[in-house]
Amino acid sequence: PIIQTHFTADPAPLVHDGVVYLYTS
């Protein structure tokens, strides 16, 4: 997985102004 500092789930990516913002539970 791409995140290891916390347990994350339910990825909700948003592309805005050239950046991928990844919201997670």
PDBML (XML) file of the C-alpha atoms, coordinates in Angstrom:
<?xml version="1.0" encoding="UTF-8" ?>
<PDBx:datablock datablockName="MODEL"
   xmlns:PDBx="http://pdbml.pdb.org/schema/pdbx-v50.xsd"
   xmlns:xsi="http://www.w3.org/2001/XMLSchema-instance"
   xsi:schemaLocation="http://pdbml.pdb.org/schema/pdbx-v50.xsd pdbx-v50.xsd">
   <PDBx:atom_siteCategory>
      <PDBx:atom_site id="1">
         <PDBx:B_iso_or_equiv>0.00</PDBx:B_iso_or_equiv>
         <PDBx:Cartn_x>0.000</PDBx:Cartn_x>
         <PDBx:Cartn_y>0.000</PDBx:Cartn_y>
         <PDBx:Cartn_z>0.000</PDBx:Cartn_z>
         <PDBx:auth_asym_id>A</PDBx:auth_asym_id>
         <PDBx:auth_atom_id>CA</PDBx:auth_atom_id>
         <PDBx:auth_comp_id>PRO</PDBx:auth_comp_id>
         <PDBx:auth_seq_id>1</PDBx:auth_seq_id>
         <PDBx:group_PDB>ATOM</PDBx:group_PDB>
         <PDBx:label_alt_id xsi:nil="true" />
         <PDBx:label_asym_id>A</PDBx:label_asym_id>
         <PDBx:label_atom_id>CA</PDBx:label_atom_id>
         <PDBx:label_comp_id>PRO</PDBx:label_comp_id>
         <PDBx:label_entity_id>1</PDBx:label_entity_id>
         <PDBx:label_seq_id>1</PDBx:label_seq_id>
         <PDBx:occupancy>1.00</PDBx:occupancy>
         <PDBx:pdbx_PDB_model_num>1</PDBx:pdbx_PDB_model_num>
         <PDBx:type_symbol>C</PDBx:type_symbol>
      </PDBx:atom_site>
      <PDBx:atom_site id="2">
         <PDBx:B_iso_or_equiv>0.00</PDBx:B_iso_or_equiv>
         <PDBx:Cartn_x>0.993</PDBx:Cartn_x>
         <PDBx:Cartn_y>3.603</PDBx:Cartn_y>
         <PDBx:Cartn_z>-0.608</PDBx:Cartn_z>
         <PDBx:auth_asym_id>A</PDBx:auth_asym_id>
         <PDBx:auth_atom_id>CA</PDBx:auth_atom_id>
         <PDBx:auth_comp_id>ILE</PDBx:auth_comp_id>
         <PDBx:auth_seq_id>2</PDBx:auth_seq_id>
         <PDBx:group_PDB>ATOM</PDBx:group_PDB>
         <PDBx:label_alt_id xsi:nil="true" />
         <PDBx:label_asym_id>A</PDBx:label_asym_id>
         <PDBx:label_atom_id>CA</PDBx:label_atom_id>
         <PDBx:label_comp_id>ILE</PDBx:label_comp_id>
         <PDBx:label_entity_id>1</PDBx:label_entity_id>
         <PDBx:label_seq_id>2</PDBx:label_seq_id>
         <PDBx:occupancy>1.00</PDBx:occupancy>
         <PDBx:pdbx_PDB_model_num>1</PDBx:pdbx_PDB_model_num>
         <PDBx:type_symbol>C</PDBx:type_symbol>
      </PDBx:atom_site>
      <PDBx:atom_site id="3">
         <PDBx:B_iso_or_equiv>0.00</PDBx:B_iso_or_equiv>
         <PDBx:Cartn_x>0.326</PDBx:Cartn_x>
         <PDBx:Cartn_y>4.805</PDBx:Cartn_y>
         <PDBx:Cartn_z>2.979</PDBx:Cartn_z>
         <PDBx:auth_asym_id>A</PDBx:auth_asym_id>
         <PDBx:auth_atom_id>CA</PDBx:auth_atom_id>
         <PDBx:auth_comp_id>ILE</PDBx:auth_comp_id>
         <PDBx:auth_seq_id>3</PDBx:auth_seq_id>
         <PDBx:group_PDB>ATOM</PDBx:group_PDB>
         <PDBx:label_alt_id xsi:nil="true" />
         <PDBx:label_asym_id>A</PDBx:label_asym_id>
         <PDBx:label_atom_id>CA</PDBx:label_atom_id>
         <PDBx:label_comp_id>ILE</PDBx:label_comp_id>
         <PDBx:label_entity_id>1</PDBx:label_entity_id>
         <PDBx:label_seq_id>3</PDBx:label_seq_id>
         <PDBx:occupancy>1.00</PDBx:occupancy>
         <PDBx:pdbx_PDB_model_num>1</PDBx:pdbx_PDB_model_num>
         <PDBx:type_symbol>C</PDBx:type_symbol>
      </PDBx:atom_site>
      <PDBx:atom_site id="4">
         <PDBx:B_iso_or_equiv>0.00</PDBx:B_iso_or_equiv>
         <PDBx:Cartn_x>2.048</PDBx:Cartn_x>
         <PDBx:Cartn_y>3.055</PDBx:Cartn_y>
         <PDBx:Cartn_z>5.893</PDBx:Cartn_z>
         <PDBx:auth_asym_id>A</PDBx:auth_asym_id>
         <PDBx:auth_atom_id>CA</PDBx:auth_atom_id>
         <PDBx:auth_comp_id>GLN</PDBx:auth_comp_id>
         <PDBx:auth_seq_id>4</PDBx:auth_seq_id>
         <PDBx:group_PDB>ATOM</PDBx:group_PDB>
         <PDBx:label_alt_id xsi:nil="true" />
         <PDBx:label_asym_id>A</PDBx:label_asym_id>
         <PDBx:label_atom_id>CA</PDBx:label_atom_id>
         <PDBx:label_comp_id>GLN</PDBx:label_comp_id>
         <PDBx:label_entity_id>1</PDBx:label_entity_id>
         <PDBx:label_seq_id>4</PDBx:label_seq_id>
         <PDBx:occupancy>1.00</PDBx:occupancy>
         <PDBx:pdbx_PDB_model_num>1</PDBx:pdbx_PDB_model_num>
         <PDBx:type_symbol>C</PDBx:type_symbol>
      </PDBx:atom_site>
      <PDBx:atom_site id="5">
         <PDBx:B_iso_or_equiv>0.00</PDBx:B_iso_or_equiv>
         <PDBx:Cartn_x>2.047</PDBx:Cartn_x>
         <PDBx:Cartn_y>5.665</PDBx:Cartn_y>
         <PDBx:Cartn_z>8.696</PDBx:Cartn_z>
         <PDBx:auth_asym_id>A</PDBx:auth_asym_id>
         <PDBx:auth_atom_id>CA</PDBx:auth_atom_id>
         <PDBx:auth_comp_id>THR</PDBx:auth_comp_id>
         <PDBx:auth_seq_id>5</PDBx:auth_seq_id>
         <PDBx:group_PDB>ATOM</PDBx:group_PDB>
         <PDBx:label_alt_id xsi:nil="true" />
         <PDBx:label_asym_id>A</PDBx:label_asym_id>
         <PDBx:label_atom_id>CA</PDBx:label_atom_id>
         <PDBx:label_comp_id>THR</PDBx:label_comp_id>
         <PDBx:label_entity_id>1</PDBx:label_entity_id>
         <PDBx:label_seq_id>5</PDBx:label_seq_id>
         <PDBx:occupancy>1.00</PDBx:occupancy>
         <PDBx:pdbx_PDB_model_num>1</PDBx:pdbx_PDB_model_num>
         <PDBx:type_symbol>C</PDBx:type_symbol>
      </PDBx:atom_site>
      <PDBx:atom_site id="6">
         <PDBx:B_iso_or_equiv>0.00</PDBx:B_iso_or_equiv>
         <PDBx:Cartn_x>-1.659</PDBx:Cartn_x>
         <PDBx:Cartn_y>5.014</PDBx:Cartn_y>
         <PDBx:Cartn_z>9.399</PDBx:Cartn_z>
         <PDBx:auth_asym_id>A</PDBx:auth_asym_id>
         <PDBx:auth_atom_id>CA</PDBx:auth_atom_id>
         <PDBx:auth_comp_id>HIS</PDBx:auth_comp_id>
         <PDBx:auth_seq_id>6</PDBx:auth_seq_id>
         <PDBx:group_PDB>ATOM</PDBx:group_PDB>
         <PDBx:label_alt_id xsi:nil="true" />
         <PDBx:label_asym_id>A</PDBx:label_asym_id>
         <PDBx:label_atom_id>CA</PDBx:label_atom_id>
         <PDBx:label_comp_id>HIS</PDBx:label_comp_id>
         <PDBx:label_entity_id>1</PDBx:label_entity_id>
         <PDBx:label_seq_id>6</PDBx:label_seq_id>
         <PDBx:occupancy>1.00</PDBx:occupancy>
         <PDBx:pdbx_PDB_model_num>1</PDBx:pdbx_PDB_model_num>
         <PDBx:type_symbol>C</PDBx:type_symbol>
      </PDBx:atom_site>
      <PDBx:atom_site id="7">
         <PDBx:B_iso_or_equiv>0.00</PDBx:B_iso_or_equiv>
         <PDBx:Cartn_x>-4.220</PDBx:Cartn_x>
         <PDBx:Cartn_y>2.404</PDBx:Cartn_y>
         <PDBx:Cartn_z>8.446</PDBx:Cartn_z>
         <PDBx:auth_asym_id>A</PDBx:auth_asym_id>
         <PDBx:auth_atom_id>CA</PDBx:auth_atom_id>
         <PDBx:auth_comp_id>PHE</PDBx:auth_comp_id>
         <PDBx:auth_seq_id>7</PDBx:auth_seq_id>
         <PDBx:group_PDB>ATOM</PDBx:group_PDB>
         <PDBx:label_alt_id xsi:nil="true" />
         <PDBx:label_asym_id>A</PDBx:label_asym_id>
         <PDBx:label_atom_id>CA</PDBx:label_atom_id>
         <PDBx:label_comp_id>PHE</PDBx:label_comp_id>
         <PDBx:label_entity_id>1</PDBx:label_entity_id>
         <PDBx:label_seq_id>7</PDBx:label_seq_id>
         <PDBx:occupancy>1.00</PDBx:occupancy>
         <PDBx:pdbx_PDB_model_num>1</PDBx:pdbx_PDB_model_num>
         <PDBx:type_symbol>C</PDBx:type_symbol>
      </PDBx:atom_site>
      <PDBx:atom_site id="8">
         <PDBx:B_iso_or_equiv>0.00</PDBx:B_iso_or_equiv>
         <PDBx:Cartn_x>-6.351</PDBx:Cartn_x>
         <PDBx:Cartn_y>3.885</PDBx:Cartn_y>
         <PDBx:Cartn_z>5.665</PDBx:Cartn_z>
         <PDBx:auth_asym_id>A</PDBx:auth_asym_id>
         <PDBx:auth_atom_id>CA</PDBx:auth_atom_id>
         <PDBx:auth_comp_id>THR</PDBx:auth_comp_id>
         <PDBx:auth_seq_id>8</PDBx:auth_seq_id>
         <PDBx:group_PDB>ATOM</PDBx:group_PDB>
         <PDBx:label_alt_id xsi:nil="true" />
         <PDBx:label_asym_id>A</PDBx:label_asym_id>
         <PDBx:label_atom_id>CA</PDBx:label_atom_id>
         <PDBx:label_comp_id>THR</PDBx:label_comp_id>
         <PDBx:label_entity_id>1</PDBx:label_entity_id>
         <PDBx:label_seq_id>8</PDBx:label_seq_id>
         <PDBx:occupancy>1.00</PDBx:occupancy>
         <PDBx:pdbx_PDB_model_num>1</PDBx:pdbx_PDB_model_num>
         <PDBx:type_symbol>C</PDBx:type_symbol>
      </PDBx:atom_site>
      <PDBx:atom_site id="9">
         <PDBx:B_iso_or_equiv>0.00</PDBx:B_iso_or_equiv>
         <PDBx:Cartn_x>-9.337</PDBx:Cartn_x>
         <PDBx:Cartn_y>2.720</PDBx:Cartn_y>
         <PDBx:Cartn_z>3.642</PDBx:Cartn_z>
         <PDBx:auth_asym_id>A</PDBx:auth_asym_id>
         <PDBx:auth_atom_id>CA</PDBx:auth_atom_id>
         <PDBx:auth_comp_id>ALA</PDBx:auth_comp_id>
         <PDBx:auth_seq_id>9</PDBx:auth_seq_id>
         <PDBx:group_PDB>ATOM</PDBx:group_PDB>
         <PDBx:label_alt_id xsi:nil="true" />
         <PDBx:label_asym_id>A</PDBx:label_asym_id>
         <PDBx:label_atom_id>CA</PDBx:label_atom_id>
         <PDBx:label_comp_id>ALA</PDBx:label_comp_id>
         <PDBx:label_entity_id>1</PDBx:label_entity_id>
         <PDBx:label_seq_id>9</PDBx:label_seq_id>
         <PDBx:occupancy>1.00</PDBx:occupancy>
         <PDBx:pdbx_PDB_model_num>1</PDBx:pdbx_PDB_model_num>
         <PDBx:type_symbol>C</PDBx:type_symbol>
      </PDBx:atom_site>
      <PDBx:atom_site id="10">
         <PDBx:B_iso_or_equiv>0.00</PDBx:B_iso_or_equiv>
         <PDBx:Cartn_x>-12.091</PDBx:Cartn_x>
         <PDBx:Cartn_y>3.861</PDBx:Cartn_y>
         <PDBx:Cartn_z>1.263</PDBx:Cartn_z>
         <PDBx:auth_asym_id>A</PDBx:auth_asym_id>
         <PDBx:auth_atom_id>CA</PDBx:auth_atom_id>
         <PDBx:auth_comp_id>ASP</PDBx:auth_comp_id>
         <PDBx:auth_seq_id>10</PDBx:auth_seq_id>
         <PDBx:group_PDB>ATOM</PDBx:group_PDB>
         <PDBx:label_alt_id xsi:nil="true" />
         <PDBx:label_asym_id>A</PDBx:label_asym_id>
         <PDBx:label_atom_id>CA</PDBx:label_atom_id>
         <PDBx:label_comp_id>ASP</PDBx:label_comp_id>
         <PDBx:label_entity_id>1</PDBx:label_entity_id>
         <PDBx:label_seq_id>10</PDBx:label_seq_id>
         <PDBx:occupancy>1.00</PDBx:occupancy>
         <PDBx:pdbx_PDB_model_num>1</PDBx:pdbx_PDB_model_num>
         <PDBx:type_symbol>C</PDBx:type_symbol>
      </PDBx:atom_site>
      <PDBx:atom_site id="11">
         <PDBx:B_iso_or_equiv>0.00</PDBx:B_iso_or_equiv>
         <PDBx:Cartn_x>-9.878</PDBx:Cartn_x>
         <PDBx:Cartn_y>5.986</PDBx:Cartn_y>
         <PDBx:Cartn_z>-1.038</PDBx:Cartn_z>
         <PDBx:auth_asym_id>A</PDBx:auth_asym_id>
         <PDBx:auth_atom_id>CA</PDBx:auth_atom_id>
         <PDBx:auth_comp_id>PRO</PDBx:auth_comp_id>
         <PDBx:auth_seq_id>11</PDBx:auth_seq_id>
         <PDBx:group_PDB>ATOM</PDBx:group_PDB>
         <PDBx:label_alt_id xsi:nil="true" />
         <PDBx:label_asym_id>A</PDBx:label_asym_id>
         <PDBx:label_atom_id>CA</PDBx:label_atom_id>
         <PDBx:label_comp_id>PRO</PDBx:label_comp_id>
         <PDBx:label_entity_id>1</PDBx:label_entity_id>
         <PDBx:label_seq_id>11</PDBx:label_seq_id>
         <PDBx:occupancy>1.00</PDBx:occupancy>
         <PDBx:pdbx_PDB_model_num>1</PDBx:pdbx_PDB_model_num>
         <PDBx:type_symbol>C</PDBx:type_symbol>
      </PDBx:atom_site>
      <PDBx:atom_site id="12">
         <PDBx:B_iso_or_equiv>0.00</PDBx:B_iso_or_equiv>
         <PDBx:Cartn_x>-11.509</PDBx:Cartn_x>
         <PDBx:Cartn_y>9.028</PDBx:Cartn_y>
         <PDBx:Cartn_z>-2.632</PDBx:Cartn_z>
         <PDBx:auth_asym_id>A</PDBx:auth_asym_id>
         <PDBx:auth_atom_id>CA</PDBx:auth_atom_id>
         <PDBx:auth_comp_id>ALA</PDBx:auth_comp_id>
         <PDBx:auth_seq_id>12</PDBx:auth_seq_id>
         <PDBx:group_PDB>ATOM</PDBx:group_PDB>
         <PDBx:label_alt_id xsi:nil="true" />
         <PDBx:label_asym_id>A</PDBx:label_asym_id>
         <PDBx:label_atom_id>CA</PDBx:label_atom_id>
         <PDBx:label_comp_id>ALA</PDBx:label_comp_id>
         <PDBx:label_entity_id>1</PDBx:label_entity_id>
         <PDBx:label_seq_id>12</PDBx:label_seq_id>
         <PDBx:occupancy>1.00</PDBx:occupancy>
         <PDBx:pdbx_PDB_model_num>1</PDBx:pdbx_PDB_model_num>
         <PDBx:type_symbol>C</PDBx:type_symbol>
      </PDBx:atom_site>
      <PDBx:atom_site id="13">
         <PDBx:B_iso_or_equiv>0.00</PDBx:B_iso_or_equiv>
         <PDBx:Cartn_x>-9.076</PDBx:Cartn_x>
         <PDBx:Cartn_y>10.733</PDBx:Cartn_y>
         <PDBx:Cartn_z>-5.031</PDBx:Cartn_z>
         <PDBx:auth_asym_id>A</PDBx:auth_asym_id>
         <PDBx:auth_atom_id>CA</PDBx:auth_atom_id>
         <PDBx:auth_comp_id>PRO</PDBx:auth_comp_id>
         <PDBx:auth_seq_id>13</PDBx:auth_seq_id>
         <PDBx:group_PDB>ATOM</PDBx:group_PDB>
         <PDBx:label_alt_id xsi:nil="true" />
         <PDBx:label_asym_id>A</PDBx:label_asym_id>
         <PDBx:label_atom_id>CA</PDBx:label_atom_id>
         <PDBx:label_comp_id>PRO</PDBx:label_comp_id>
         <PDBx:label_entity_id>1</PDBx:label_entity_id>
         <PDBx:label_seq_id>13</PDBx:label_seq_id>
         <PDBx:occupancy>1.00</PDBx:occupancy>
         <PDBx:pdbx_PDB_model_num>1</PDBx:pdbx_PDB_model_num>
         <PDBx:type_symbol>C</PDBx:type_symbol>
      </PDBx:atom_site>
      <PDBx:atom_site id="14">
         <PDBx:B_iso_or_equiv>0.00</PDBx:B_iso_or_equiv>
         <PDBx:Cartn_x>-9.682</PDBx:Cartn_x>
         <PDBx:Cartn_y>14.255</PDBx:Cartn_y>
         <PDBx:Cartn_z>-6.340</PDBx:Cartn_z>
         <PDBx:auth_asym_id>A</PDBx:auth_asym_id>
         <PDBx:auth_atom_id>CA</PDBx:auth_atom_id>
         <PDBx:auth_comp_id>LEU</PDBx:auth_comp_id>
         <PDBx:auth_seq_id>14</PDBx:auth_seq_id>
         <PDBx:group_PDB>ATOM</PDBx:group_PDB>
         <PDBx:label_alt_id xsi:nil="true" />
         <PDBx:label_asym_id>A</PDBx:label_asym_id>
         <PDBx:label_atom_id>CA</PDBx:label_atom_id>
         <PDBx:label_comp_id>LEU</PDBx:label_comp_id>
         <PDBx:label_entity_id>1</PDBx:label_entity_id>
         <PDBx:label_seq_id>14</PDBx:label_seq_id>
         <PDBx:occupancy>1.00</PDBx:occupancy>
         <PDBx:pdbx_PDB_model_num>1</PDBx:pdbx_PDB_model_num>
         <PDBx:type_symbol>C</PDBx:type_symbol>
      </PDBx:atom_site>
      <PDBx:atom_site id="15">
         <PDBx:B_iso_or_equiv>0.00</PDBx:B_iso_or_equiv>
         <PDBx:Cartn_x>-7.612</PDBx:Cartn_x>
         <PDBx:Cartn_y>15.951</PDBx:Cartn_y>
         <PDBx:Cartn_z>-9.054</PDBx:Cartn_z>
         <PDBx:auth_asym_id>A</PDBx:auth_asym_id>
         <PDBx:auth_atom_id>CA</PDBx:auth_atom_id>
         <PDBx:auth_comp_id>VAL</PDBx:auth_comp_id>
         <PDBx:auth_seq_id>15</PDBx:auth_seq_id>
         <PDBx:group_PDB>ATOM</PDBx:group_PDB>
         <PDBx:label_alt_id xsi:nil="true" />
         <PDBx:label_asym_id>A</PDBx:label_asym_id>
         <PDBx:label_atom_id>CA</PDBx:label_atom_id>
         <PDBx:label_comp_id>VAL</PDBx:label_comp_id>
         <PDBx:label_entity_id>1</PDBx:label_entity_id>
         <PDBx:label_seq_id>15</PDBx:label_seq_id>
         <PDBx:occupancy>1.00</PDBx:occupancy>
         <PDBx:pdbx_PDB_model_num>1</PDBx:pdbx_PDB_model_num>
         <PDBx:type_symbol>C</PDBx:type_symbol>
      </PDBx:atom_site>
      <PDBx:atom_site id="16">
         <PDBx:B_iso_or_equiv>0.00</PDBx:B_iso_or_equiv>
         <PDBx:Cartn_x>-7.353</PDBx:Cartn_x>
         <PDBx:Cartn_y>19.708</PDBx:Cartn_y>
         <PDBx:Cartn_z>-8.524</PDBx:Cartn_z>
         <PDBx:auth_asym_id>A</PDBx:auth_asym_id>
         <PDBx:auth_atom_id>CA</PDBx:auth_atom_id>
         <PDBx:auth_comp_id>HIS</PDBx:auth_comp_id>
         <PDBx:auth_seq_id>16</PDBx:auth_seq_id>
         <PDBx:group_PDB>ATOM</PDBx:group_PDB>
         <PDBx:label_alt_id xsi:nil="true" />
         <PDBx:label_asym_id>A</PDBx:label_asym_id>
         <PDBx:label_atom_id>CA</PDBx:label_atom_id>
         <PDBx:label_comp_id>HIS</PDBx:label_comp_id>
         <PDBx:label_entity_id>1</PDBx:label_entity_id>
         <PDBx:label_seq_id>16</PDBx:label_seq_id>
         <PDBx:occupancy>1.00</PDBx:occupancy>
         <PDBx:pdbx_PDB_model_num>1</PDBx:pdbx_PDB_model_num>
         <PDBx:type_symbol>C</PDBx:type_symbol>
      </PDBx:atom_site>
      <PDBx:atom_site id="17">
         <PDBx:B_iso_or_equiv>0.00</PDBx:B_iso_or_equiv>
         <PDBx:Cartn_x>-4.841</PDBx:Cartn_x>
         <PDBx:Cartn_y>22.211</PDBx:Cartn_y>
         <PDBx:Cartn_z>-9.908</PDBx:Cartn_z>
         <PDBx:auth_asym_id>A</PDBx:auth_asym_id>
         <PDBx:auth_atom_id>CA</PDBx:auth_atom_id>
         <PDBx:auth_comp_id>ASP</PDBx:auth_comp_id>
         <PDBx:auth_seq_id>17</PDBx:auth_seq_id>
         <PDBx:group_PDB>ATOM</PDBx:group_PDB>
         <PDBx:label_alt_id xsi:nil="true" />
         <PDBx:label_asym_id>A</PDBx:label_asym_id>
         <PDBx:label_atom_id>CA</PDBx:label_atom_id>
         <PDBx:label_comp_id>ASP</PDBx:label_comp_id>
         <PDBx:label_entity_id>1</PDBx:label_entity_id>
         <PDBx:label_seq_id>17</PDBx:label_seq_id>
         <PDBx:occupancy>1.00</PDBx:occupancy>
         <PDBx:pdbx_PDB_model_num>1</PDBx:pdbx_PDB_model_num>
         <PDBx:type_symbol>C</PDBx:type_symbol>
      </PDBx:atom_site>
      <PDBx:atom_site id="18">
         <PDBx:B_iso_or_equiv>0.00</PDBx:B_iso_or_equiv>
         <PDBx:Cartn_x>-2.435</PDBx:Cartn_x>
         <PDBx:Cartn_y>19.476</PDBx:Cartn_y>
         <PDBx:Cartn_z>-10.991</PDBx:Cartn_z>
         <PDBx:auth_asym_id>A</PDBx:auth_asym_id>
         <PDBx:auth_atom_id>CA</PDBx:auth_atom_id>
         <PDBx:auth_comp_id>GLY</PDBx:auth_comp_id>
         <PDBx:auth_seq_id>18</PDBx:auth_seq_id>
         <PDBx:group_PDB>ATOM</PDBx:group_PDB>
         <PDBx:label_alt_id xsi:nil="true" />
         <PDBx:label_asym_id>A</PDBx:label_asym_id>
         <PDBx:label_atom_id>CA</PDBx:label_atom_id>
         <PDBx:label_comp_id>GLY</PDBx:label_comp_id>
         <PDBx:label_entity_id>1</PDBx:label_entity_id>
         <PDBx:label_seq_id>18</PDBx:label_seq_id>
         <PDBx:occupancy>1.00</PDBx:occupancy>
         <PDBx:pdbx_PDB_model_num>1</PDBx:pdbx_PDB_model_num>
         <PDBx:type_symbol>C</PDBx:type_symbol>
      </PDBx:atom_site>
      <PDBx:atom_site id="19">
         <PDBx:B_iso_or_equiv>0.00</PDBx:B_iso_or_equiv>
         <PDBx:Cartn_x>-2.405</PDBx:Cartn_x>
         <PDBx:Cartn_y>17.676</PDBx:Cartn_y>
         <PDBx:Cartn_z>-7.632</PDBx:Cartn_z>
         <PDBx:auth_asym_id>A</PDBx:auth_asym_id>
         <PDBx:auth_atom_id>CA</PDBx:auth_atom_id>
         <PDBx:auth_comp_id>VAL</PDBx:auth_comp_id>
         <PDBx:auth_seq_id>19</PDBx:auth_seq_id>
         <PDBx:group_PDB>ATOM</PDBx:group_PDB>
         <PDBx:label_alt_id xsi:nil="true" />
         <PDBx:label_asym_id>A</PDBx:label_asym_id>
         <PDBx:label_atom_id>CA</PDBx:label_atom_id>
         <PDBx:label_comp_id>VAL</PDBx:label_comp_id>
         <PDBx:label_entity_id>1</PDBx:label_entity_id>
         <PDBx:label_seq_id>19</PDBx:label_seq_id>
         <PDBx:occupancy>1.00</PDBx:occupancy>
         <PDBx:pdbx_PDB_model_num>1</PDBx:pdbx_PDB_model_num>
         <PDBx:type_symbol>C</PDBx:type_symbol>
      </PDBx:atom_site>
      <PDBx:atom_site id="20">
         <PDBx:B_iso_or_equiv>0.00</PDBx:B_iso_or_equiv>
         <PDBx:Cartn_x>-3.996</PDBx:Cartn_x>
         <PDBx:Cartn_y>14.367</PDBx:Cartn_y>
         <PDBx:Cartn_z>-6.629</PDBx:Cartn_z>
         <PDBx:auth_asym_id>A</PDBx:auth_asym_id>
         <PDBx:auth_atom_id>CA</PDBx:auth_atom_id>
         <PDBx:auth_comp_id>VAL</PDBx:auth_comp_id>
         <PDBx:auth_seq_id>20</PDBx:auth_seq_id>
         <PDBx:group_PDB>ATOM</PDBx:group_PDB>
         <PDBx:label_alt_id xsi:nil="true" />
         <PDBx:label_asym_id>A</PDBx:label_asym_id>
         <PDBx:label_atom_id>CA</PDBx:label_atom_id>
         <PDBx:label_comp_id>VAL</PDBx:label_comp_id>
         <PDBx:label_entity_id>1</PDBx:label_entity_id>
         <PDBx:label_seq_id>20</PDBx:label_seq_id>
         <PDBx:occupancy>1.00</PDBx:occupancy>
         <PDBx:pdbx_PDB_model_num>1</PDBx:pdbx_PDB_model_num>
         <PDBx:type_symbol>C</PDBx:type_symbol>
      </PDBx:atom_site>
      <PDBx:atom_site id="21">
         <PDBx:B_iso_or_equiv>0.00</PDBx:B_iso_or_equiv>
         <PDBx:Cartn_x>-5.711</PDBx:Cartn_x>
         <PDBx:Cartn_y>14.831</PDBx:Cartn_y>
         <PDBx:Cartn_z>-3.277</PDBx:Cartn_z>
         <PDBx:auth_asym_id>A</PDBx:auth_asym_id>
         <PDBx:auth_atom_id>CA</PDBx:auth_atom_id>
         <PDBx:auth_comp_id>TYR</PDBx:auth_comp_id>
         <PDBx:auth_seq_id>21</PDBx:auth_seq_id>
         <PDBx:group_PDB>ATOM</PDBx:group_PDB>
         <PDBx:label_alt_id xsi:nil="true" />
         <PDBx:label_asym_id>A</PDBx:label_asym_id>
         <PDBx:label_atom_id>CA</PDBx:label_atom_id>
         <PDBx:label_comp_id>TYR</PDBx:label_comp_id>
         <PDBx:label_entity_id>1</PDBx:label_entity_id>
         <PDBx:label_seq_id>21</PDBx:label_seq_id>
         <PDBx:occupancy>1.00</PDBx:occupancy>
         <PDBx:pdbx_PDB_model_num>1</PDBx:pdbx_PDB_model_num>
         <PDBx:type_symbol>C</PDBx:type_symbol>
      </PDBx:atom_site>
      <PDBx:atom_site id="22">
         <PDBx:B_iso_or_equiv>0.00</PDBx:B_iso_or_equiv>
         <PDBx:Cartn_x>-6.444</PDBx:Cartn_x>
         <PDBx:Cartn_y>11.459</PDBx:Cartn_y>
         <PDBx:Cartn_z>-1.714</PDBx:Cartn_z>
         <PDBx:auth_asym_id>A</PDBx:auth_asym_id>
         <PDBx:auth_atom_id>CA</PDBx:auth_atom_id>
         <PDBx:auth_comp_id>LEU</PDBx:auth_comp_id>
         <PDBx:auth_seq_id>22</PDBx:auth_seq_id>
         <PDBx:group_PDB>ATOM</PDBx:group_PDB>
         <PDBx:label_alt_id xsi:nil="true" />
         <PDBx:label_asym_id>A</PDBx:label_asym_id>
         <PDBx:label_atom_id>CA</PDBx:label_atom_id>
         <PDBx:label_comp_id>LEU</PDBx:label_comp_id>
         <PDBx:label_entity_id>1</PDBx:label_entity_id>
         <PDBx:label_seq_id>22</PDBx:label_seq_id>
         <PDBx:occupancy>1.00</PDBx:occupancy>
         <PDBx:pdbx_PDB_model_num>1</PDBx:pdbx_PDB_model_num>
         <PDBx:type_symbol>C</PDBx:type_symbol>
      </PDBx:atom_site>
      <PDBx:atom_site id="23">
         <PDBx:B_iso_or_equiv>0.00</PDBx:B_iso_or_equiv>
         <PDBx:Cartn_x>-9.118</PDBx:Cartn_x>
         <PDBx:Cartn_y>11.497</PDBx:Cartn_y>
         <PDBx:Cartn_z>0.982</PDBx:Cartn_z>
         <PDBx:auth_asym_id>A</PDBx:auth_asym_id>
         <PDBx:auth_atom_id>CA</PDBx:auth_atom_id>
         <PDBx:auth_comp_id>TYR</PDBx:auth_comp_id>
         <PDBx:auth_seq_id>23</PDBx:auth_seq_id>
         <PDBx:group_PDB>ATOM</PDBx:group_PDB>
         <PDBx:label_alt_id xsi:nil="true" />
         <PDBx:label_asym_id>A</PDBx:label_asym_id>
         <PDBx:label_atom_id>CA</PDBx:label_atom_id>
         <PDBx:label_comp_id>TYR</PDBx:label_comp_id>
         <PDBx:label_entity_id>1</PDBx:label_entity_id>
         <PDBx:label_seq_id>23</PDBx:label_seq_id>
         <PDBx:occupancy>1.00</PDBx:occupancy>
         <PDBx:pdbx_PDB_model_num>1</PDBx:pdbx_PDB_model_num>
         <PDBx:type_symbol>C</PDBx:type_symbol>
      </PDBx:atom_site>
      <PDBx:atom_site id="24">
         <PDBx:B_iso_or_equiv>0.00</PDBx:B_iso_or_equiv>
         <PDBx:Cartn_x>-9.399</PDBx:Cartn_x>
         <PDBx:Cartn_y>8.349</PDBx:Cartn_y>
         <PDBx:Cartn_z>3.080</PDBx:Cartn_z>
         <PDBx:auth_asym_id>A</PDBx:auth_asym_id>
         <PDBx:auth_atom_id>CA</PDBx:auth_atom_id>
         <PDBx:auth_comp_id>THR</PDBx:auth_comp_id>
         <PDBx:auth_seq_id>24</PDBx:auth_seq_id>
         <PDBx:group_PDB>ATOM</PDBx:group_PDB>
         <PDBx:label_alt_id xsi:nil="true" />
         <PDBx:label_asym_id>A</PDBx:label_asym_id>
         <PDBx:label_atom_id>CA</PDBx:label_atom_id>
         <PDBx:label_comp_id>THR</PDBx:label_comp_id>
         <PDBx:label_entity_id>1</PDBx:label_entity_id>
         <PDBx:label_seq_id>24</PDBx:label_seq_id>
         <PDBx:occupancy>1.00</PDBx:occupancy>
         <PDBx:pdbx_PDB_model_num>1</PDBx:pdbx_PDB_model_num>
         <PDBx:type_symbol>C</PDBx:type_symbol>
      </PDBx:atom_site>
      <PDBx:atom_site id="25">
         <PDBx:B_iso_or_equiv>0.00</PDBx:B_iso_or_equiv>
         <PDBx:Cartn_x>-11.229</PDBx:Cartn_x>
         <PDBx:Cartn_y>6.921</PDBx:Cartn_y>
         <PDBx:Cartn_z>6.003</PDBx:Cartn_z>
         <PDBx:auth_asym_id>A</PDBx:auth_asym_id>
         <PDBx:auth_atom_id>CA</PDBx:auth_atom_id>
         <PDBx:auth_comp_id>SER</PDBx:auth_comp_id>
         <PDBx:auth_seq_id>25</PDBx:auth_seq_id>
         <PDBx:group_PDB>ATOM</PDBx:group_PDB>
         <PDBx:label_alt_id xsi:nil="true" />
         <PDBx:label_asym_id>A</PDBx:label_asym_id>
         <PDBx:label_atom_id>CA</PDBx:label_atom_id>
         <PDBx:label_comp_id>SER</PDBx:label_comp_id>
         <PDBx:label_entity_id>1</PDBx:label_entity_id>
         <PDBx:label_seq_id>25</PDBx:label_seq_id>
         <PDBx:occupancy>1.00</PDBx:occupancy>
         <PDBx:pdbx_PDB_model_num>1</PDBx:pdbx_PDB_model_num>
         <PDBx:type_symbol>C</PDBx:type_symbol>
      </PDBx:atom_site>
   </PDBx:atom_siteCategory>
</PDBx:datablock>
